[in-house]
Amino acid sequence: MLDLAEGYSGQSECAQRILLSIYSPSDFKISGSDFTNLDVPHIHNAIHLLHEYGMCRKRIFSLVEGSETRVLKLAERVPIHP
């Protein structure tokens, strides 16, 4: 999901919002369209991430080395909407 989010396609924008909503839920929000704009395998991955790790941010970002840094770079590209 992180690799997808770092791309530049329409799907990557959705993946960015999903990951950032887990990383910083007070600053980033997801919508249903973020899921419907993903291909089916990515939808399954996103649902799994949110279900398994959505409430324990620290754990998900320790799964991949350097992932927290990568997500912070994504945050620079996505505007914060209150």
PDB file of N, CA and C in Angstrom:
ATOM      1  N   MET A   1       0.828  -1.188   0.000  1.00  0.00           N
ATOM      2  CA  MET A   1       0.000   0.000   0.000  1.00  0.00           C
ATOM      3  C   MET A   1       0.873   1.253   0.000  1.00  0.00           C
ATOM      4  N   LEU A   2       1.973   1.210   0.729  1.00  0.00           N
ATOM      5  CA  LEU A   2       2.882   2.355   0.767  1.00  0.00           C
ATOM      6  C   LEU A   2       3.526   2.592  -0.598  1.00  0.00           C
ATOM      7  N   ASP A   3       3.889   1.522  -1.286  1.00  0.00           N
ATOM      8  CA  ASP A   3       4.452   1.670  -2.636  1.00  0.00           C
ATOM      9  C   ASP A   3       3.435   2.317  -3.573  1.00  0.00           C
ATOM     10  N   LEU A   4       2.179   1.902  -3.475  1.00  0.00           N
ATOM     11  CA  LEU A   4       1.124   2.494  -4.293  1.00  0.00           C
ATOM     12  C   LEU A   4       0.959   3.973  -3.964  1.00  0.00           C
ATOM     13  N   ALA A   5       0.983   4.303  -2.683  1.00  0.00           N
ATOM     14  CA  ALA A   5       0.786   5.686  -2.243  1.00  0.00           C
ATOM     15  C   ALA A   5       1.890   6.614  -2.736  1.00  0.00           C
ATOM     16  N   GLU A   6       3.081   6.070  -2.934  1.00  0.00           N
ATOM     17  CA  GLU A   6       4.196   6.910  -3.374  1.00  0.00           C
ATOM     18  C   GLU A   6       4.182   7.165  -4.876  1.00  0.00           C
ATOM     19  N   GLY A   7       3.264   6.543  -5.585  1.00  0.00           N
ATOM     20  CA  GLY A   7       3.160   6.768  -7.028  1.00  0.00           C
ATOM     21  C   GLY A   7       2.437   8.065  -7.337  1.00  0.00           C
ATOM     22  N   TYR A   8       2.046   8.214  -8.590  1.00  0.00           N
ATOM     23  CA  TYR A   8       1.404   9.464  -9.003  1.00  0.00           C
ATOM     24  C   TYR A   8       0.088   9.236  -9.731  1.00  0.00           C
ATOM     25  N   SER A   9      -0.486   8.051  -9.615  1.00  0.00           N
ATOM     26  CA  SER A   9      -1.761   7.767 -10.280  1.00  0.00           C
ATOM     27  C   SER A   9      -2.921   8.202  -9.392  1.00  0.00           C
ATOM     28  N   GLY A  10      -4.125   8.104  -9.928  1.00  0.00           N
ATOM     29  CA  GLY A  10      -5.307   8.405  -9.127  1.00  0.00           C
ATOM     30  C   GLY A  10      -5.422   7.469  -7.938  1.00  0.00           C
ATOM     31  N   GLN A  11      -5.016   6.213  -8.139  1.00  0.00           N
ATOM     32  CA  GLN A  11      -5.052   5.259  -7.034  1.00  0.00           C
ATOM     33  C   GLN A  11      -4.067   5.654  -5.934  1.00  0.00           C
ATOM     34  N   SER A  12      -2.939   6.226  -6.330  1.00  0.00           N
ATOM     35  CA  SER A  12      -1.945   6.601  -5.316  1.00  0.00           C
ATOM     36  C   SER A  12      -2.487   7.702  -4.416  1.00  0.00           C
ATOM     37  N   GLU A  13      -3.265   8.623  -4.966  1.00  0.00           N
ATOM     38  CA  GLU A  13      -3.857   9.683  -4.142  1.00  0.00           C
ATOM     39  C   GLU A  13      -4.795   9.093  -3.094  1.00  0.00           C
ATOM     40  N   CYS A  14      -5.554   8.079  -3.493  1.00  0.00           N
ATOM     41  CA  CYS A  14      -6.461   7.417  -2.544  1.00  0.00           C
ATOM     42  C   CYS A  14      -5.665   6.681  -1.481  1.00  0.00           C
ATOM     43  N   ALA A  15      -4.628   5.980  -1.891  1.00  0.00           N
ATOM     44  CA  ALA A  15      -3.787   5.237  -0.943  1.00  0.00           C
ATOM     45  C   ALA A  15      -3.107   6.200   0.028  1.00  0.00           C
ATOM     46  N   GLN A  16      -2.701   7.366  -0.465  1.00  0.00           N
ATOM     47  CA  GLN A  16      -2.092   8.372   0.405  1.00  0.00           C
ATOM     48  C   GLN A  16      -3.054   8.783   1.500  1.00  0.00           C
ATOM     49  N   ARG A  17      -4.292   9.105   1.112  1.00  0.00           N
ATOM     50  CA  ARG A  17      -5.269   9.558   2.110  1.00  0.00           C
ATOM     51  C   ARG A  17      -5.576   8.464   3.124  1.00  0.00           C
ATOM     52  N   ILE A  18      -5.642   7.212   2.668  1.00  0.00           N
ATOM     53  CA  ILE A  18      -5.924   6.108   3.582  1.00  0.00           C
ATOM     54  C   ILE A  18      -4.788   5.962   4.589  1.00  0.00           C
ATOM     55  N   LEU A  19      -3.546   5.933   4.105  1.00  0.00           N
ATOM     56  CA  LEU A  19      -2.409   5.795   5.015  1.00  0.00           C
ATOM     57  C   LEU A  19      -2.278   6.988   5.954  1.00  0.00           C
ATOM     58  N   LEU A  20      -2.456   8.181   5.402  1.00  0.00           N
ATOM     59  CA  LEU A  20      -2.323   9.374   6.238  1.00  0.00           C
ATOM     60  C   LEU A  20      -3.440   9.462   7.279  1.00  0.00           C
ATOM     61  N   SER A  21      -4.614   8.922   6.961  1.00  0.00           N
ATOM     62  CA  SER A  21      -5.701   8.935   7.943  1.00  0.00           C
ATOM     63  C   SER A  21      -5.378   8.016   9.116  1.00  0.00           C
ATOM     64  N   ILE A  22      -4.587   6.965   8.864  1.00  0.00           N
ATOM     65  CA  ILE A  22      -4.140   6.102   9.958  1.00  0.00           C
ATOM     66  C   ILE A  22      -3.025   6.809  10.730  1.00  0.00           C
ATOM     67  N   TYR A  23      -2.106   7.426   9.992  1.00  0.00           N
ATOM     68  CA  TYR A  23      -0.950   8.068  10.618  1.00  0.00           C
ATOM     69  C   TYR A  23      -1.360   9.263  11.473  1.00  0.00           C
ATOM     70  N   SER A  24      -2.237  10.079  10.930  1.00  0.00           N
ATOM     71  CA  SER A  24      -2.640  11.299  11.638  1.00  0.00           C
ATOM     72  C   SER A  24      -4.139  11.545  11.429  1.00  0.00           C
ATOM     73  N   PRO A  25      -4.983  10.799  12.130  1.00  0.00           N
ATOM     74  CA  PRO A  25      -6.427  10.886  11.892  1.00  0.00           C
ATOM     75  C   PRO A  25      -7.038  12.255  12.175  1.00  0.00           C
ATOM     76  N   SER A  26      -6.407  13.053  12.993  1.00  0.00           N
ATOM     77  CA  SER A  26      -6.973  14.378  13.261  1.00  0.00           C
ATOM     78  C   SER A  26      -6.710  15.352  12.111  1.00  0.00           C
ATOM     79  N   ASP A  27      -5.724  15.048  11.264  1.00  0.00           N
ATOM     80  CA  ASP A  27      -5.375  15.941  10.159  1.00  0.00           C
ATOM     81  C   ASP A  27      -5.833  15.447   8.795  1.00  0.00           C
ATOM     82  N   PHE A  28      -5.984  14.138   8.639  1.00  0.00           N
ATOM     83  CA  PHE A  28      -6.312  13.564   7.339  1.00  0.00           C
ATOM     84  C   PHE A  28      -7.530  12.666   7.453  1.00  0.00           C
ATOM     85  N   LYS A  29      -8.448  12.814   6.523  1.00  0.00           N
ATOM     86  CA  LYS A  29      -9.688  12.030   6.528  1.00  0.00           C
ATOM     87  C   LYS A  29      -9.812  11.251   5.222  1.00  0.00           C
ATOM     88  N   ILE A  30     -10.436  10.078   5.311  1.00  0.00           N
ATOM     89  CA  ILE A  30     -10.719   9.298   4.111  1.00  0.00           C
ATOM     90  C   ILE A  30     -12.221   9.320   3.861  1.00  0.00           C
ATOM     91  N   SER A  31     -12.573   8.998   2.624  1.00  0.00           N
ATOM     92  CA  SER A  31     -13.985   8.903   2.275  1.00  0.00           C
ATOM     93  C   SER A  31     -14.213   7.591   1.545  1.00  0.00           C
ATOM     94  N   GLY A  32     -15.449   7.277   1.304  1.00  0.00           N
ATOM     95  CA  GLY A  32     -15.778   6.058   0.578  1.00  0.00           C
ATOM     96  C   GLY A  32     -15.183   6.041  -0.816  1.00  0.00           C
ATOM     97  N   SER A  33     -15.066   7.210  -1.423  1.00  0.00           N
ATOM     98  CA  SER A  33     -14.513   7.257  -2.785  1.00  0.00           C
ATOM     99  C   SER A  33     -13.043   6.867  -2.808  1.00  0.00           C
ATOM    100  N   ASP A  34     -12.348   7.021  -1.678  1.00  0.00           N
ATOM    101  CA  ASP A  34     -10.953   6.584  -1.626  1.00  0.00           C
ATOM    102  C   ASP A  34     -10.859   5.072  -1.806  1.00  0.00           C
ATOM    103  N   PHE A  35     -11.876   4.357  -1.373  1.00  0.00           N
ATOM    104  CA  PHE A  35     -11.884   2.908  -1.549  1.00  0.00           C
ATOM    105  C   PHE A  35     -12.377   2.517  -2.937  1.00  0.00           C
ATOM    106  N   THR A  36     -13.435   3.169  -3.403  1.00  0.00           N
ATOM    107  CA  THR A  36     -14.014   2.770  -4.685  1.00  0.00           C
ATOM    108  C   THR A  36     -13.106   3.106  -5.857  1.00  0.00           C
ATOM    109  N   ASN A  37     -12.163   3.997  -5.671  1.00  0.00           N
ATOM    110  CA  ASN A  37     -11.235   4.340  -6.748  1.00  0.00           C
ATOM    111  C   ASN A  37     -10.001   3.442  -6.778  1.00  0.00           C
ATOM    112  N   LEU A  38      -9.933   2.465  -5.871  1.00  0.00           N
ATOM    113  CA  LEU A  38      -8.820   1.513  -5.865  1.00  0.00           C
ATOM    114  C   LEU A  38      -9.213   0.245  -6.601  1.00  0.00           C
ATOM    115  N   ASP A  39      -8.234  -0.432  -7.177  1.00  0.00           N
ATOM    116  CA  ASP A  39      -8.472  -1.759  -7.733  1.00  0.00           C
ATOM    117  C   ASP A  39      -8.797  -2.708  -6.586  1.00  0.00           C
ATOM    118  N   VAL A  40      -9.512  -3.787  -6.904  1.00  0.00           N
ATOM    119  CA  VAL A  40      -9.979  -4.714  -5.867  1.00  0.00           C
ATOM    120  C   VAL A  40      -8.868  -5.210  -4.935  1.00  0.00           C
ATOM    121  N   PRO A  41      -7.709  -5.657  -5.449  1.00  0.00           N
ATOM    122  CA  PRO A  41      -6.672  -6.116  -4.496  1.00  0.00           C
ATOM    123  C   PRO A  41      -6.227  -5.020  -3.535  1.00  0.00           C
ATOM    124  N   HIS A  42      -6.176  -3.776  -4.023  1.00  0.00           N
ATOM    125  CA  HIS A  42      -5.777  -2.665  -3.158  1.00  0.00           C
ATOM    126  C   HIS A  42      -6.870  -2.343  -2.139  1.00  0.00           C
ATOM    127  N   ILE A  43      -8.127  -2.527  -2.535  1.00  0.00           N
ATOM    128  CA  ILE A  43      -9.225  -2.326  -1.586  1.00  0.00           C
ATOM    129  C   ILE A  43      -9.077  -3.310  -0.431  1.00  0.00           C
ATOM    130  N   HIS A  44      -8.813  -4.569  -0.764  1.00  0.00           N
ATOM    131  CA  HIS A  44      -8.638  -5.580   0.279  1.00  0.00           C
ATOM    132  C   HIS A  44      -7.468  -5.217   1.194  1.00  0.00           C
ATOM    133  N   ASN A  45      -6.365  -4.763   0.602  1.00  0.00           N
ATOM    134  CA  ASN A  45      -5.205  -4.367   1.413  1.00  0.00           C
ATOM    135  C   ASN A  45      -5.548  -3.197   2.325  1.00  0.00           C
ATOM    136  N   ALA A  46      -6.259  -2.214   1.794  1.00  0.00           N
ATOM    137  CA  ALA A  46      -6.612  -1.037   2.591  1.00  0.00           C
ATOM    138  C   ALA A  46      -7.533  -1.411   3.742  1.00  0.00           C
ATOM    139  N   ILE A  47      -8.527  -2.247   3.466  1.00  0.00           N
ATOM    140  CA  ILE A  47      -9.450  -2.667   4.525  1.00  0.00           C
ATOM    141  C   ILE A  47      -8.696  -3.443   5.599  1.00  0.00           C
ATOM    142  N   HIS A  48      -7.788  -4.302   5.169  1.00  0.00           N
ATOM    143  CA  HIS A  48      -6.993  -5.069   6.123  1.00  0.00           C
ATOM    144  C   HIS A  48      -6.155  -4.138   7.008  1.00  0.00           C
ATOM    145  N   LEU A  49      -5.502  -3.165   6.382  1.00  0.00           N
ATOM    146  CA  LEU A  49      -4.687  -2.221   7.158  1.00  0.00           C
ATOM    147  C   LEU A  49      -5.527  -1.468   8.180  1.00  0.00           C
ATOM    148  N   LEU A  50      -6.674  -0.982   7.742  1.00  0.00           N
ATOM    149  CA  LEU A  50      -7.522  -0.217   8.659  1.00  0.00           C
ATOM    150  C   LEU A  50      -8.080  -1.100   9.762  1.00  0.00           C
ATOM    151  N   HIS A  51      -8.461  -2.309   9.411  1.00  0.00           N
ATOM    152  CA  HIS A  51      -9.046  -3.206  10.405  1.00  0.00           C
ATOM    153  C   HIS A  51      -8.004  -3.672  11.415  1.00  0.00           C
ATOM    154  N   GLU A  52      -6.855  -4.093  10.912  1.00  0.00           N
ATOM    155  CA  GLU A  52      -5.840  -4.662  11.788  1.00  0.00           C
ATOM    156  C   GLU A  52      -5.023  -3.614  12.534  1.00  0.00           C
ATOM    157  N   TYR A  53      -4.735  -2.479  11.877  1.00  0.00           N
ATOM    158  CA  TYR A  53      -3.760  -1.544  12.431  1.00  0.00           C
ATOM    159  C   TYR A  53      -4.265  -0.124  12.607  1.00  0.00           C
ATOM    160  N   GLY A  54      -5.490   0.134  12.211  1.00  0.00           N
ATOM    161  CA  GLY A  54      -6.003   1.493  12.251  1.00  0.00           C
ATOM    162  C   GLY A  54      -6.000   2.132  13.618  1.00  0.00           C
ATOM    163  N   MET A  55      -6.151   1.324  14.650  1.00  0.00           N
ATOM    164  CA  MET A  55      -6.208   1.882  15.986  1.00  0.00           C
ATOM    165  C   MET A  55      -4.862   1.830  16.709  1.00  0.00           C
ATOM    166  N   CYS A  56      -3.847   1.287  16.051  1.00  0.00           N
ATOM    167  CA  CYS A  56      -2.526   1.208  16.703  1.00  0.00           C
ATOM    168  C   CYS A  56      -1.460   1.669  15.721  1.00  0.00           C
ATOM    169  N   ARG A  57      -1.437   2.952  15.486  1.00  0.00           N
ATOM    170  CA  ARG A  57      -0.575   3.580  14.485  1.00  0.00           C
ATOM    171  C   ARG A  57       0.880   3.167  14.642  1.00  0.00           C
ATOM    172  N   LYS A  58       1.396   3.134  15.840  1.00  0.00           N
ATOM    173  CA  LYS A  58       2.808   2.818  16.055  1.00  0.00           C
ATOM    174  C   LYS A  58       3.159   1.457  15.463  1.00  0.00           C
ATOM    175  N   ARG A  59       2.271   0.499  15.634  1.00  0.00           N
ATOM    176  CA  ARG A  59       2.545  -0.859  15.183  1.00  0.00           C
ATOM    177  C   ARG A  59       2.626  -0.944  13.656  1.00  0.00           C
ATOM    178  N   ILE A  60       1.700  -0.329  12.961  1.00  0.00           N
ATOM    179  CA  ILE A  60       1.693  -0.448  11.505  1.00  0.00           C
ATOM    180  C   ILE A  60       2.940   0.192  10.888  1.00  0.00           C
ATOM    181  N   PHE A  61       3.409   1.276  11.449  1.00  0.00           N
ATOM    182  CA  PHE A  61       4.536   1.961  10.847  1.00  0.00           C
ATOM    183  C   PHE A  61       5.881   1.391  11.274  1.00  0.00           C
ATOM    184  N   SER A  62       5.857   0.355  12.081  1.00  0.00           N
ATOM    185  CA  SER A  62       7.098  -0.353  12.388  1.00  0.00           C
ATOM    186  C   SER A  62       7.227  -1.619  11.556  1.00  0.00           C
ATOM    187  N   LEU A  63       6.221  -1.922  10.746  1.00  0.00           N
ATOM    188  CA  LEU A  63       6.242  -3.147   9.940  1.00  0.00           C
ATOM    189  C   LEU A  63       7.253  -3.073   8.803  1.00  0.00           C
ATOM    190  N   VAL A  64       7.434  -1.907   8.229  1.00  0.00           N
ATOM    191  CA  VAL A  64       8.353  -1.719   7.113  1.00  0.00           C
ATOM    192  C   VAL A  64       9.400  -0.695   7.522  1.00  0.00           C
ATOM    193  N   GLU A  65      10.648  -1.057   7.383  1.00  0.00           N
ATOM    194  CA  GLU A  65      11.724  -0.150   7.783  1.00  0.00           C
ATOM    195  C   GLU A  65      11.637   1.161   6.993  1.00  0.00           C
ATOM    196  N   GLY A  66      11.687   2.253   7.695  1.00  0.00           N
ATOM    197  CA  GLY A  66      11.648   3.575   7.063  1.00  0.00           C
ATOM    198  C   GLY A  66      10.261   4.024   6.655  1.00  0.00           C
ATOM    199  N   SER A  67       9.221   3.274   7.012  1.00  0.00           N
ATOM    200  CA  SER A  67       7.886   3.630   6.532  1.00  0.00           C
ATOM    201  C   SER A  67       7.372   4.934   7.134  1.00  0.00           C
ATOM    202  N   GLU A  68       7.712   5.216   8.380  1.00  0.00           N
ATOM    203  CA  GLU A  68       7.222   6.464   8.970  1.00  0.00           C
ATOM    204  C   GLU A  68       7.799   7.668   8.227  1.00  0.00           C
ATOM    205  N   THR A  69       9.054   7.603   7.860  1.00  0.00           N
ATOM    206  CA  THR A  69       9.677   8.677   7.075  1.00  0.00           C
ATOM    207  C   THR A  69       9.003   8.808   5.719  1.00  0.00           C
ATOM    208  N   ARG A  70       8.705   7.678   5.098  1.00  0.00           N
ATOM    209  CA  ARG A  70       8.046   7.688   3.790  1.00  0.00           C
ATOM    210  C   ARG A  70       6.654   8.313   3.878  1.00  0.00           C
ATOM    211  N   VAL A  71       5.929   7.992   4.943  1.00  0.00           N
ATOM    212  CA  VAL A  71       4.588   8.547   5.115  1.00  0.00           C
ATOM    213  C   VAL A  71       4.661  10.053   5.386  1.00  0.00           C
ATOM    214  N   LEU A  72       5.650  10.483   6.135  1.00  0.00           N
ATOM    215  CA  LEU A  72       5.808  11.925   6.363  1.00  0.00           C
ATOM    216  C   LEU A  72       6.075  12.659   5.060  1.00  0.00           C
ATOM    217  N   LYS A  73       6.812  12.041   4.140  1.00  0.00           N
ATOM    218  CA  LYS A  73       7.031  12.657   2.822  1.00  0.00           C
ATOM    219  C   LYS A  73       5.720  12.744   2.052  1.00  0.00           C
ATOM    220  N   LEU A  74       4.872  11.718   2.189  1.00  0.00           N
ATOM    221  CA  LEU A  74       3.565  11.765   1.539  1.00  0.00           C
ATOM    222  C   LEU A  74       2.745  12.925   2.084  1.00  0.00           C
ATOM    223  N   ALA A  75       2.820  13.141   3.378  1.00  0.00           N
ATOM    224  CA  ALA A  75       2.049  14.204   4.006  1.00  0.00           C
ATOM    225  C   ALA A  75       2.406  15.572   3.443  1.00  0.00           C
ATOM    226  N   GLU A  76       3.630  15.739   2.982  1.00  0.00           N
ATOM    227  CA  GLU A  76       4.039  17.008   2.393  1.00  0.00           C
ATOM    228  C   GLU A  76       3.318  17.266   1.068  1.00  0.00           C
ATOM    229  N   ARG A  77       2.909  16.182   0.381  1.00  0.00           N
ATOM    230  CA  ARG A  77       2.251  16.313  -0.925  1.00  0.00           C
ATOM    231  C   ARG A  77       0.739  16.459  -0.825  1.00  0.00           C
ATOM    232  N   VAL A  78       0.169  16.104   0.310  1.00  0.00           N
ATOM    233  CA  VAL A  78      -1.292  16.103   0.465  1.00  0.00           C
ATOM    234  C   VAL A  78      -1.698  17.253   1.380  1.00  0.00           C
ATOM    235  N   PRO A  79      -2.567  18.148   0.902  1.00  0.00           N
ATOM    236  CA  PRO A  79      -2.994  19.260   1.757  1.00  0.00           C
ATOM    237  C   PRO A  79      -3.846  18.763   2.917  1.00  0.00           C
ATOM    238  N   ILE A  80      -3.706  19.424   4.057  1.00  0.00           N
ATOM    239  CA  ILE A  80      -4.501  19.090   5.238  1.00  0.00           C
ATOM    240  C   ILE A  80      -5.843  19.792   5.125  1.00  0.00           C
ATOM    241  N   HIS A  81      -6.925  18.998   5.257  1.00  0.00           N
ATOM    242  CA  HIS A  81      -8.271  19.561   5.238  1.00  0.00           C
ATOM    243  C   HIS A  81      -8.903  19.295   6.595  1.00  0.00           C
ATOM    244  N   PRO A  82      -9.193  20.347   7.351  1.00  0.00           N
ATOM    245  CA  PRO A  82      -9.780  20.162   8.694  1.00  0.00           C
ATOM    246  C   PRO A  82     -11.186  19.569   8.623  1.00  0.00           C
TER     247      PRO A  82
END
